[in-house]
């Protein structure tokens, strides 16, 4: 399993999208920290967790997934792998593990860059451990949030262009939903505010923000009754991730060699 994991990571050496992801993980937090130089440490890190994760990491994960799942098909190497023998179940599991590791590392890279810049700007690093935990946790949640779209990419199994189109609409739909009161301000249950990944993540993250000003305080007080706890947020998204894993295994098993 370890050799298979290393094999999957070695594929990234030839992928420009992987290099772009590494640069984005460094450059965006750097710009964000400079722009928020008059803010506090929590606000700087919230930029890493929000904009960096939801606008950059989400599409990157899905496009990387398309690369990982299409590469054997493009190079006609799936037969060779299965003759080692390596099962299709193992291949799916390892590919998703690669995406999980990338997601966490991407977020932690942003955290380190933002923290270093904040320290140079003499911004107090208050609640460093909590901010680190929230950022790493967001990496796990973003991985789970990307999986429903990865299922679609694997299922259609057509082309990178179609994958990019799916990524665009999925990312846009999730991000727009977190601005909607009709979606966000719903009780926990069978509704879009609970089942859609990004709104669910924001319902957990918002409780850790400190509102500034009358408008933010009013919104915080109005929205606070719809916050969800960490066990609920992680429970829902990891259950959805388990369903997605099952679907991907089924789809991959039926793929012709």
C-alpha atoms as a PDB file:
ATOM      1  CA  UNK A   1       0.000   0.000   0.000  1.00  0.00           C
ATOM      2  CA  UNK A   2       2.852   2.395   0.824  1.00  0.00           C
ATOM      3  CA  UNK A   3       4.511   1.773  -2.550  1.00  0.00           C
ATOM      4  CA  UNK A   4       1.208   2.376  -4.288  1.00  0.00           C
ATOM      5  CA  UNK A   5       0.824   5.662  -2.408  1.00  0.00           C
ATOM      6  CA  UNK A   6       4.328   6.752  -3.443  1.00  0.00           C
ATOM      7  CA  UNK A   7       3.540   5.773  -7.031  1.00  0.00           C
ATOM      8  CA  UNK A   8       0.483   8.026  -7.042  1.00  0.00           C
ATOM      9  CA  UNK A   9       2.472  10.975  -5.668  1.00  0.00           C
ATOM     10  CA  UNK A  10       5.206  10.504  -8.279  1.00  0.00           C
ATOM     11  CA  UNK A  11       2.633  11.086 -11.004  1.00  0.00           C
ATOM     12  CA  UNK A  12       2.374  14.697  -9.863  1.00  0.00           C
ATOM     13  CA  UNK A  13       5.921  15.465 -10.996  1.00  0.00           C
ATOM     14  CA  UNK A  14       4.672  15.756 -14.572  1.00  0.00           C
ATOM     15  CA  UNK A  15       1.439  17.594 -13.732  1.00  0.00           C
ATOM     16  CA  UNK A  16       1.465  21.382 -14.036  1.00  0.00           C
ATOM     17  CA  UNK A  17      -1.776  21.596 -12.066  1.00  0.00           C
ATOM     18  CA  UNK A  18       0.062  20.161  -9.043  1.00  0.00           C
ATOM     19  CA  UNK A  19       2.764  22.830  -9.296  1.00  0.00           C
ATOM     20  CA  UNK A  20       0.050  25.462  -9.640  1.00  0.00           C
ATOM     21  CA  UNK A  21      -1.557  24.115  -6.478  1.00  0.00           C
ATOM     22  CA  UNK A  22       1.691  24.398  -4.545  1.00  0.00           C
ATOM     23  CA  UNK A  23       2.205  27.977  -5.738  1.00  0.00           C
ATOM     24  CA  UNK A  24      -1.404  28.886  -4.883  1.00  0.00           C
ATOM     25  CA  UNK A  25      -0.951  27.450  -1.386  1.00  0.00           C
ATOM     26  CA  UNK A  26       1.930  29.903  -0.871  1.00  0.00           C
ATOM     27  CA  UNK A  27       1.034  33.003  -2.882  1.00  0.00           C
ATOM     28  CA  UNK A  28      -2.602  33.490  -1.887  1.00  0.00           C
ATOM     29  CA  UNK A  29      -2.003  33.336   1.905  1.00  0.00           C
ATOM     30  CA  UNK A  30       0.936  35.694   1.413  1.00  0.00           C
ATOM     31  CA  UNK A  31      -1.238  38.271  -0.371  1.00  0.00           C
ATOM     32  CA  UNK A  32      -4.062  37.748   2.115  1.00  0.00           C
ATOM     33  CA  UNK A  33      -1.778  38.337   5.106  1.00  0.00           C
ATOM     34  CA  UNK A  34      -0.361  41.528   3.585  1.00  0.00           C
ATOM     35  CA  UNK A  35      -3.826  42.905   2.775  1.00  0.00           C
ATOM     36  CA  UNK A  36      -5.045  42.148   6.306  1.00  0.00           C
ATOM     37  CA  UNK A  37      -1.975  43.605   8.007  1.00  0.00           C
ATOM     38  CA  UNK A  38      -4.199  45.876  10.123  1.00  0.00           C
ATOM     39  CA  UNK A  39      -6.352  42.979  11.244  1.00  0.00           C
ATOM     40  CA  UNK A  40      -5.903  40.347  13.951  1.00  0.00           C
ATOM     41  CA  UNK A  41      -4.475  36.843  13.665  1.00  0.00           C
ATOM     42  CA  UNK A  42      -7.888  35.152  13.646  1.00  0.00           C
ATOM     43  CA  UNK A  43      -9.069  37.261  10.702  1.00  0.00           C
ATOM     44  CA  UNK A  44      -5.917  36.462   8.731  1.00  0.00           C
ATOM     45  CA  UNK A  45      -6.374  32.746   9.296  1.00  0.00           C
ATOM     46  CA  UNK A  46     -10.063  32.917   8.432  1.00  0.00           C
ATOM     47  CA  UNK A  47      -8.985  34.123   4.979  1.00  0.00           C
ATOM     48  CA  UNK A  48      -6.892  30.970   4.613  1.00  0.00           C
ATOM     49  CA  UNK A  49      -9.809  28.798   5.693  1.00  0.00           C
ATOM     50  CA  UNK A  50     -12.418  30.559   3.552  1.00  0.00           C
ATOM     51  CA  UNK A  51     -11.143  32.063   0.314  1.00  0.00           C
ATOM     52  CA  UNK A  52      -8.056  29.873   0.026  1.00  0.00           C
ATOM     53  CA  UNK A  53     -10.016  26.695   0.719  1.00  0.00           C
ATOM     54  CA  UNK A  54     -13.371  27.279  -0.926  1.00  0.00           C
ATOM     55  CA  UNK A  55     -12.220  29.159  -4.018  1.00  0.00           C
ATOM     56  CA  UNK A  56      -8.862  27.476  -4.700  1.00  0.00           C
ATOM     57  CA  UNK A  57      -8.585  24.165  -2.855  1.00  0.00           C
ATOM     58  CA  UNK A  58     -12.019  22.844  -3.824  1.00  0.00           C
ATOM     59  CA  UNK A  59     -11.507  23.072  -7.628  1.00  0.00           C
ATOM     60  CA  UNK A  60      -7.877  21.963  -7.301  1.00  0.00           C
ATOM     61  CA  UNK A  61      -8.889  18.772  -5.491  1.00  0.00           C
ATOM     62  CA  UNK A  62     -11.434  17.842  -8.137  1.00  0.00           C
ATOM     63  CA  UNK A  63      -9.112  18.591 -11.071  1.00  0.00           C
ATOM     64  CA  UNK A  64      -6.332  16.614  -9.378  1.00  0.00           C
ATOM     65  CA  UNK A  65      -8.808  13.775  -8.876  1.00  0.00           C
ATOM     66  CA  UNK A  66      -9.584  13.809 -12.591  1.00  0.00           C
ATOM     67  CA  UNK A  67      -5.853  13.529 -13.301  1.00  0.00           C
ATOM     68  CA  UNK A  68      -5.453  10.659 -10.848  1.00  0.00           C
ATOM     69  CA  UNK A  69      -8.442   8.673 -12.076  1.00  0.00           C
ATOM     70  CA  UNK A  70      -7.868   9.255 -15.803  1.00  0.00           C
ATOM     71  CA  UNK A  71      -4.115   8.649 -15.922  1.00  0.00           C
ATOM     72  CA  UNK A  72      -4.288   4.824 -16.176  1.00  0.00           C
ATOM     73  CA  UNK A  73      -6.952   5.142 -18.838  1.00  0.00           C
ATOM     74  CA  UNK A  74      -4.959   7.694 -20.835  1.00  0.00           C
ATOM     75  CA  UNK A  75      -1.738   5.677 -20.655  1.00  0.00           C
ATOM     76  CA  UNK A  76      -3.403   2.237 -20.824  1.00  0.00           C
ATOM     77  CA  UNK A  77      -1.596   1.091 -17.664  1.00  0.00           C
ATOM     78  CA  UNK A  78      -4.538  -0.217 -15.626  1.00  0.00           C
ATOM     79  CA  UNK A  79      -3.951  -3.788 -16.848  1.00  0.00           C
ATOM     80  CA  UNK A  80      -0.360  -3.670 -15.654  1.00  0.00           C
ATOM     81  CA  UNK A  81      -1.357  -2.440 -12.216  1.00  0.00           C
ATOM     82  CA  UNK A  82      -4.042  -5.086 -11.781  1.00  0.00           C
ATOM     83  CA  UNK A  83      -1.582  -7.831 -12.731  1.00  0.00           C
ATOM     84  CA  UNK A  84       0.807  -6.979  -9.851  1.00  0.00           C
ATOM     85  CA  UNK A  85      -1.821  -7.682  -8.347  1.00  0.00           C
ATOM     86  CA  UNK A  86      -3.440  -4.475  -7.122  1.00  0.00           C
ATOM     87  CA  UNK A  87      -7.198  -4.395  -6.691  1.00  0.00           C
ATOM     88  CA  UNK A  88      -9.376  -1.603  -8.027  1.00  0.00           C
ATOM     89  CA  UNK A  89     -10.570  -1.010  -4.471  1.00  0.00           C
ATOM     90  CA  UNK A  90      -6.992  -0.306  -3.398  1.00  0.00           C
ATOM     91  CA  UNK A  91      -6.487   2.055  -6.319  1.00  0.00           C
ATOM     92  CA  UNK A  92      -9.566   4.094  -5.428  1.00  0.00           C
ATOM     93  CA  UNK A  93      -8.643   4.177  -1.742  1.00  0.00           C
ATOM     94  CA  UNK A  94      -5.061   5.295  -2.402  1.00  0.00           C
ATOM     95  CA  UNK A  95      -6.109   7.997  -4.867  1.00  0.00           C
ATOM     96  CA  UNK A  96      -8.521   9.442  -2.314  1.00  0.00           C
ATOM     97  CA  UNK A  97      -5.844   9.228   0.367  1.00  0.00           C
ATOM     98  CA  UNK A  98      -3.520  11.247  -1.879  1.00  0.00           C
ATOM     99  CA  UNK A  99      -6.221  13.897  -2.235  1.00  0.00           C
ATOM    100  CA  UNK A 100      -6.744  13.980   1.540  1.00  0.00           C
ATOM    101  CA  UNK A 101      -3.029  14.449   2.206  1.00  0.00           C
ATOM    102  CA  UNK A 102      -2.824  17.170  -0.445  1.00  0.00           C
ATOM    103  CA  UNK A 103      -5.834  18.971   1.055  1.00  0.00           C
ATOM    104  CA  UNK A 104      -4.397  19.016   4.574  1.00  0.00           C
ATOM    105  CA  UNK A 105      -0.913  20.025   3.396  1.00  0.00           C
ATOM    106  CA  UNK A 106      -2.402  22.795   1.231  1.00  0.00           C
ATOM    107  CA  UNK A 107      -4.237  24.257   4.209  1.00  0.00           C
ATOM    108  CA  UNK A 108      -1.307  23.892   6.603  1.00  0.00           C
ATOM    109  CA  UNK A 109       0.996  25.574   4.088  1.00  0.00           C
ATOM    110  CA  UNK A 110      -1.365  28.545   4.022  1.00  0.00           C
ATOM    111  CA  UNK A 111      -1.429  28.550   7.814  1.00  0.00           C
ATOM    112  CA  UNK A 112       2.383  28.582   8.102  1.00  0.00           C
ATOM    113  CA  UNK A 113       2.797  31.348   5.497  1.00  0.00           C
ATOM    114  CA  UNK A 114       0.115  33.505   7.145  1.00  0.00           C
ATOM    115  CA  UNK A 115       1.569  32.924  10.610  1.00  0.00           C
ATOM    116  CA  UNK A 116       5.097  33.884   9.525  1.00  0.00           C
ATOM    117  CA  UNK A 117       3.829  37.083   7.874  1.00  0.00           C
ATOM    118  CA  UNK A 118       1.728  37.947  10.936  1.00  0.00           C
ATOM    119  CA  UNK A 119       4.755  37.460  13.186  1.00  0.00           C
ATOM    120  CA  UNK A 120       6.853  39.809  11.005  1.00  0.00           C
ATOM    121  CA  UNK A 121       4.053  42.362  11.249  1.00  0.00           C
ATOM    122  CA  UNK A 122       4.080  42.057  15.050  1.00  0.00           C
ATOM    123  CA  UNK A 123       0.504  40.805  15.097  1.00  0.00           C
ATOM    124  CA  UNK A 124      -0.117  38.819  18.305  1.00  0.00           C
ATOM    125  CA  UNK A 125      -0.489  35.107  17.530  1.00  0.00           C
ATOM    126  CA  UNK A 126      -3.475  34.623  19.805  1.00  0.00           C
ATOM    127  CA  UNK A 127      -5.003  31.145  20.084  1.00  0.00           C
ATOM    128  CA  UNK A 128      -2.349  29.680  17.813  1.00  0.00           C
ATOM    129  CA  UNK A 129      -3.289  26.091  18.630  1.00  0.00           C
ATOM    130  CA  UNK A 130      -6.991  26.644  17.997  1.00  0.00           C
ATOM    131  CA  UNK A 131      -6.317  28.366  14.676  1.00  0.00           C
ATOM    132  CA  UNK A 132      -4.006  25.534  13.619  1.00  0.00           C
ATOM    133  CA  UNK A 133      -6.622  22.936  14.544  1.00  0.00           C
ATOM    134  CA  UNK A 134      -9.376  24.787  12.662  1.00  0.00           C
ATOM    135  CA  UNK A 135      -7.224  25.120   9.538  1.00  0.00           C
ATOM    136  CA  UNK A 136      -6.150  21.464   9.517  1.00  0.00           C
ATOM    137  CA  UNK A 137      -9.746  20.397  10.142  1.00  0.00           C
ATOM    138  CA  UNK A 138     -10.892  22.515   7.213  1.00  0.00           C
ATOM    139  CA  UNK A 139      -8.474  20.559   5.033  1.00  0.00           C
ATOM    140  CA  UNK A 140     -10.217  17.309   6.007  1.00  0.00           C
ATOM    141  CA  UNK A 141     -13.684  18.817   5.514  1.00  0.00           C
ATOM    142  CA  UNK A 142     -12.805  20.290   2.119  1.00  0.00           C
ATOM    143  CA  UNK A 143     -11.631  16.857   0.988  1.00  0.00           C
ATOM    144  CA  UNK A 144     -14.982  15.403   2.006  1.00  0.00           C
ATOM    145  CA  UNK A 145     -16.816  18.325   0.385  1.00  0.00           C
ATOM    146  CA  UNK A 146     -15.074  17.720  -2.951  1.00  0.00           C
ATOM    147  CA  UNK A 147     -15.931  14.005  -3.141  1.00  0.00           C
ATOM    148  CA  UNK A 148     -19.511  14.309  -4.498  1.00  0.00           C
ATOM    149  CA  UNK A 149     -18.105  16.195  -7.473  1.00  0.00           C
ATOM    150  CA  UNK A 150     -15.280  13.664  -7.828  1.00  0.00           C
ATOM    151  CA  UNK A 151     -17.939  10.946  -8.083  1.00  0.00           C
ATOM    152  CA  UNK A 152     -19.499  12.810 -11.019  1.00  0.00           C
ATOM    153  CA  UNK A 153     -16.113  13.202 -12.709  1.00  0.00           C
ATOM    154  CA  UNK A 154     -15.342   9.488 -12.322  1.00  0.00           C
ATOM    155  CA  UNK A 155     -18.831   8.473 -13.417  1.00  0.00           C
ATOM    156  CA  UNK A 156     -18.877  10.574 -16.601  1.00  0.00           C
ATOM    157  CA  UNK A 157     -15.303   9.479 -17.369  1.00  0.00           C
ATOM    158  CA  UNK A 158     -15.202  11.618 -20.494  1.00  0.00           C
ATOM    159  CA  UNK A 159     -12.594  14.369 -20.610  1.00  0.00           C
ATOM    160  CA  UNK A 160     -10.771  17.008 -18.617  1.00  0.00           C
ATOM    161  CA  UNK A 161     -12.862  19.726 -20.255  1.00  0.00           C
ATOM    162  CA  UNK A 162     -16.088  18.209 -18.944  1.00  0.00           C
ATOM    163  CA  UNK A 163     -14.420  17.782 -15.552  1.00  0.00           C
ATOM    164  CA  UNK A 164     -13.527  21.484 -15.449  1.00  0.00           C
ATOM    165  CA  UNK A 165     -17.119  22.425 -16.330  1.00  0.00           C
ATOM    166  CA  UNK A 166     -18.463  20.207 -13.547  1.00  0.00           C
ATOM    167  CA  UNK A 167     -15.915  21.665 -11.130  1.00  0.00           C
ATOM    168  CA  UNK A 168     -16.913  25.228 -12.005  1.00  0.00           C
ATOM    169  CA  UNK A 169     -20.624  24.693 -11.418  1.00  0.00           C
ATOM    170  CA  UNK A 170     -20.146  22.595  -8.280  1.00  0.00           C
ATOM    171  CA  UNK A 171     -17.780  25.135  -6.685  1.00  0.00           C
ATOM    172  CA  UNK A 172     -19.984  28.069  -7.655  1.00  0.00           C
ATOM    173  CA  UNK A 173     -23.162  26.375  -6.404  1.00  0.00           C
ATOM    174  CA  UNK A 174     -21.683  25.519  -3.011  1.00  0.00           C
ATOM    175  CA  UNK A 175     -20.053  28.913  -2.511  1.00  0.00           C
ATOM    176  CA  UNK A 176     -23.171  30.877  -3.505  1.00  0.00           C
ATOM    177  CA  UNK A 177     -25.294  28.785  -1.151  1.00  0.00           C
ATOM    178  CA  UNK A 178     -23.359  29.919   1.910  1.00  0.00           C
ATOM    179  CA  UNK A 179     -24.504  33.489   1.230  1.00  0.00           C
ATOM    180  CA  UNK A 180     -28.176  32.451   1.230  1.00  0.00           C
ATOM    181  CA  UNK A 181     -30.143  32.848   4.453  1.00  0.00           C
ATOM    182  CA  UNK A 182     -32.706  30.365   3.113  1.00  0.00           C
ATOM    183  CA  UNK A 183     -29.982  27.713   2.940  1.00  0.00           C
ATOM    184  CA  UNK A 184     -27.831  28.596   5.933  1.00  0.00           C
ATOM    185  CA  UNK A 185     -30.546  29.374   8.452  1.00  0.00           C
ATOM    186  CA  UNK A 186     -32.151  25.963   8.601  1.00  0.00           C
ATOM    187  CA  UNK A 187     -32.274  23.565  11.540  1.00  0.00           C
ATOM    188  CA  UNK A 188     -30.231  20.406  11.449  1.00  0.00           C
ATOM    189  CA  UNK A 189     -32.090  17.838   9.340  1.00  0.00           C
ATOM    190  CA  UNK A 190     -32.795  16.698   5.790  1.00  0.00           C
ATOM    191  CA  UNK A 191     -32.341  20.049   4.073  1.00  0.00           C
ATOM    192  CA  UNK A 192     -29.802  21.804   1.842  1.00  0.00           C
ATOM    193  CA  UNK A 193     -28.201  23.621   4.780  1.00  0.00           C
ATOM    194  CA  UNK A 194     -27.293  20.247   6.287  1.00  0.00           C
ATOM    195  CA  UNK A 195     -26.648  18.078   3.245  1.00  0.00           C
ATOM    196  CA  UNK A 196     -24.689  20.509   1.045  1.00  0.00           C
ATOM    197  CA  UNK A 197     -21.035  20.368   2.172  1.00  0.00           C
ATOM    198  CA  UNK A 198     -19.927  24.004   2.023  1.00  0.00           C
ATOM    199  CA  UNK A 199     -22.934  25.514   3.865  1.00  0.00           C
ATOM    200  CA  UNK A 200     -22.476  22.812   6.514  1.00  0.00           C
ATOM    201  CA  UNK A 201     -18.790  23.678   6.954  1.00  0.00           C
ATOM    202  CA  UNK A 202     -19.575  27.380   7.310  1.00  0.00           C
ATOM    203  CA  UNK A 203     -22.262  26.620   9.900  1.00  0.00           C
ATOM    204  CA  UNK A 204     -19.489  25.075  11.965  1.00  0.00           C
ATOM    205  CA  UNK A 205     -16.751  27.629  11.266  1.00  0.00           C
ATOM    206  CA  UNK A 206     -18.800  30.778  11.865  1.00  0.00           C
ATOM    207  CA  UNK A 207     -19.062  30.128  15.600  1.00  0.00           C
ATOM    208  CA  UNK A 208     -15.302  30.638  15.966  1.00  0.00           C
ATOM    209  CA  UNK A 209     -15.336  34.146  14.469  1.00  0.00           C
ATOM    210  CA  UNK A 210     -15.419  37.254  16.600  1.00  0.00           C
ATOM    211  CA  UNK A 211     -17.848  39.777  15.058  1.00  0.00           C
ATOM    212  CA  UNK A 212     -16.645  43.353  14.659  1.00  0.00           C
ATOM    213  CA  UNK A 213     -19.102  46.210  14.385  1.00  0.00           C
ATOM    214  CA  UNK A 214     -22.844  46.436  14.785  1.00  0.00           C
ATOM    215  CA  UNK A 215     -23.793  44.741  11.506  1.00  0.00           C
ATOM    216  CA  UNK A 216     -21.559  41.718  12.054  1.00  0.00           C
ATOM    217  CA  UNK A 217     -22.715  41.387  15.658  1.00  0.00           C
ATOM    218  CA  UNK A 218     -26.363  41.506  14.608  1.00  0.00           C
ATOM    219  CA  UNK A 219     -25.766  38.856  11.942  1.00  0.00           C
ATOM    220  CA  UNK A 220     -23.805  36.686  14.377  1.00  0.00           C
ATOM    221  CA  UNK A 221     -26.569  36.789  16.973  1.00  0.00           C
ATOM    222  CA  UNK A 222     -29.236  36.019  14.372  1.00  0.00           C
ATOM    223  CA  UNK A 223     -27.267  33.151  12.848  1.00  0.00           C
ATOM    224  CA  UNK A 224     -25.888  31.629  16.076  1.00  0.00           C
ATOM    225  CA  UNK A 225     -28.931  29.408  16.628  1.00  0.00           C
ATOM    226  CA  UNK A 226     -28.063  27.562  13.386  1.00  0.00           C
ATOM    227  CA  UNK A 227     -24.468  26.758  14.340  1.00  0.00           C
ATOM    228  CA  UNK A 228     -23.559  23.066  14.360  1.00  0.00           C
ATOM    229  CA  UNK A 229     -21.066  21.289  16.580  1.00  0.00           C
ATOM    230  CA  UNK A 230     -17.862  19.657  15.342  1.00  0.00           C
ATOM    231  CA  UNK A 231     -19.215  16.083  15.832  1.00  0.00           C
ATOM    232  CA  UNK A 232     -22.294  16.900  13.746  1.00  0.00           C
ATOM    233  CA  UNK A 233     -20.329  18.655  10.990  1.00  0.00           C
ATOM    234  CA  UNK A 234     -17.672  15.956  10.743  1.00  0.00           C
ATOM    235  CA  UNK A 235     -20.254  13.208  11.147  1.00  0.00           C
ATOM    236  CA  UNK A 236     -22.402  14.429   8.247  1.00  0.00           C
ATOM    237  CA  UNK A 237     -19.512  15.100   5.862  1.00  0.00           C
ATOM    238  CA  UNK A 238     -17.647  11.886   6.647  1.00  0.00           C
ATOM    239  CA  UNK A 239     -20.833   9.875   6.164  1.00  0.00           C
ATOM    240  CA  UNK A 240     -21.276  11.545   2.778  1.00  0.00           C
ATOM    241  CA  UNK A 241     -17.611  10.794   2.051  1.00  0.00           C
ATOM    242  CA  UNK A 242     -18.191   7.116   2.880  1.00  0.00           C
ATOM    243  CA  UNK A 243     -21.123   7.005   0.445  1.00  0.00           C
ATOM    244  CA  UNK A 244     -18.977   8.662  -2.226  1.00  0.00           C
ATOM    245  CA  UNK A 245     -16.168   6.156  -1.611  1.00  0.00           C
ATOM    246  CA  UNK A 246     -18.617   3.276  -2.049  1.00  0.00           C
ATOM    247  CA  UNK A 247     -19.978   4.776  -5.290  1.00  0.00           C
ATOM    248  CA  UNK A 248     -16.496   5.368  -6.708  1.00  0.00           C
ATOM    249  CA  UNK A 249     -15.460   1.799  -5.951  1.00  0.00           C
ATOM    250  CA  UNK A 250     -18.569   0.504  -7.706  1.00  0.00           C
ATOM    251  CA  UNK A 251     -18.000   2.760 -10.721  1.00  0.00           C
ATOM    252  CA  UNK A 252     -14.312   1.861 -10.939  1.00  0.00           C
ATOM    253  CA  UNK A 253     -15.008  -1.881 -10.637  1.00  0.00           C
ATOM    254  CA  UNK A 254     -17.334  -1.714 -13.636  1.00  0.00           C
ATOM    255  CA  UNK A 255     -14.849   0.191 -15.773  1.00  0.00           C
ATOM    256  CA  UNK A 256     -13.576  -1.840 -18.673  1.00  0.00           C
ATOM    257  CA  UNK A 257      -9.855  -2.598 -18.761  1.00  0.00           C
END
